[in-house]
């Protein structure tokens, strides 16, 4: 099976020009790009609303600072026995 190529078209911000609205009907999906620290939640919401009639492949957050607070996660499980929840 041969994979189809993926072609990305970089266009100006949808809130500044109508280029994305002209091209969107001619492509399979739209990938929205937001800039960390520059794109407000309100502007991102407006852009997504303007593009709501088109399939959106996803949202990319670019220009993320390397000094961003560290991301941390954890997990826990419960085996049904009394204890600390970690099987002890």
Foldseek 3Di string as FASTA:
>chain_A
DDDDDDDDDDDPQVVPDVVCVVCQVVDQAAEAEDEVPPQDPVNVVVSCVVCVVGHHPYYHYPPDDPPPPDDDDDDFAAPPDDDDRRPD
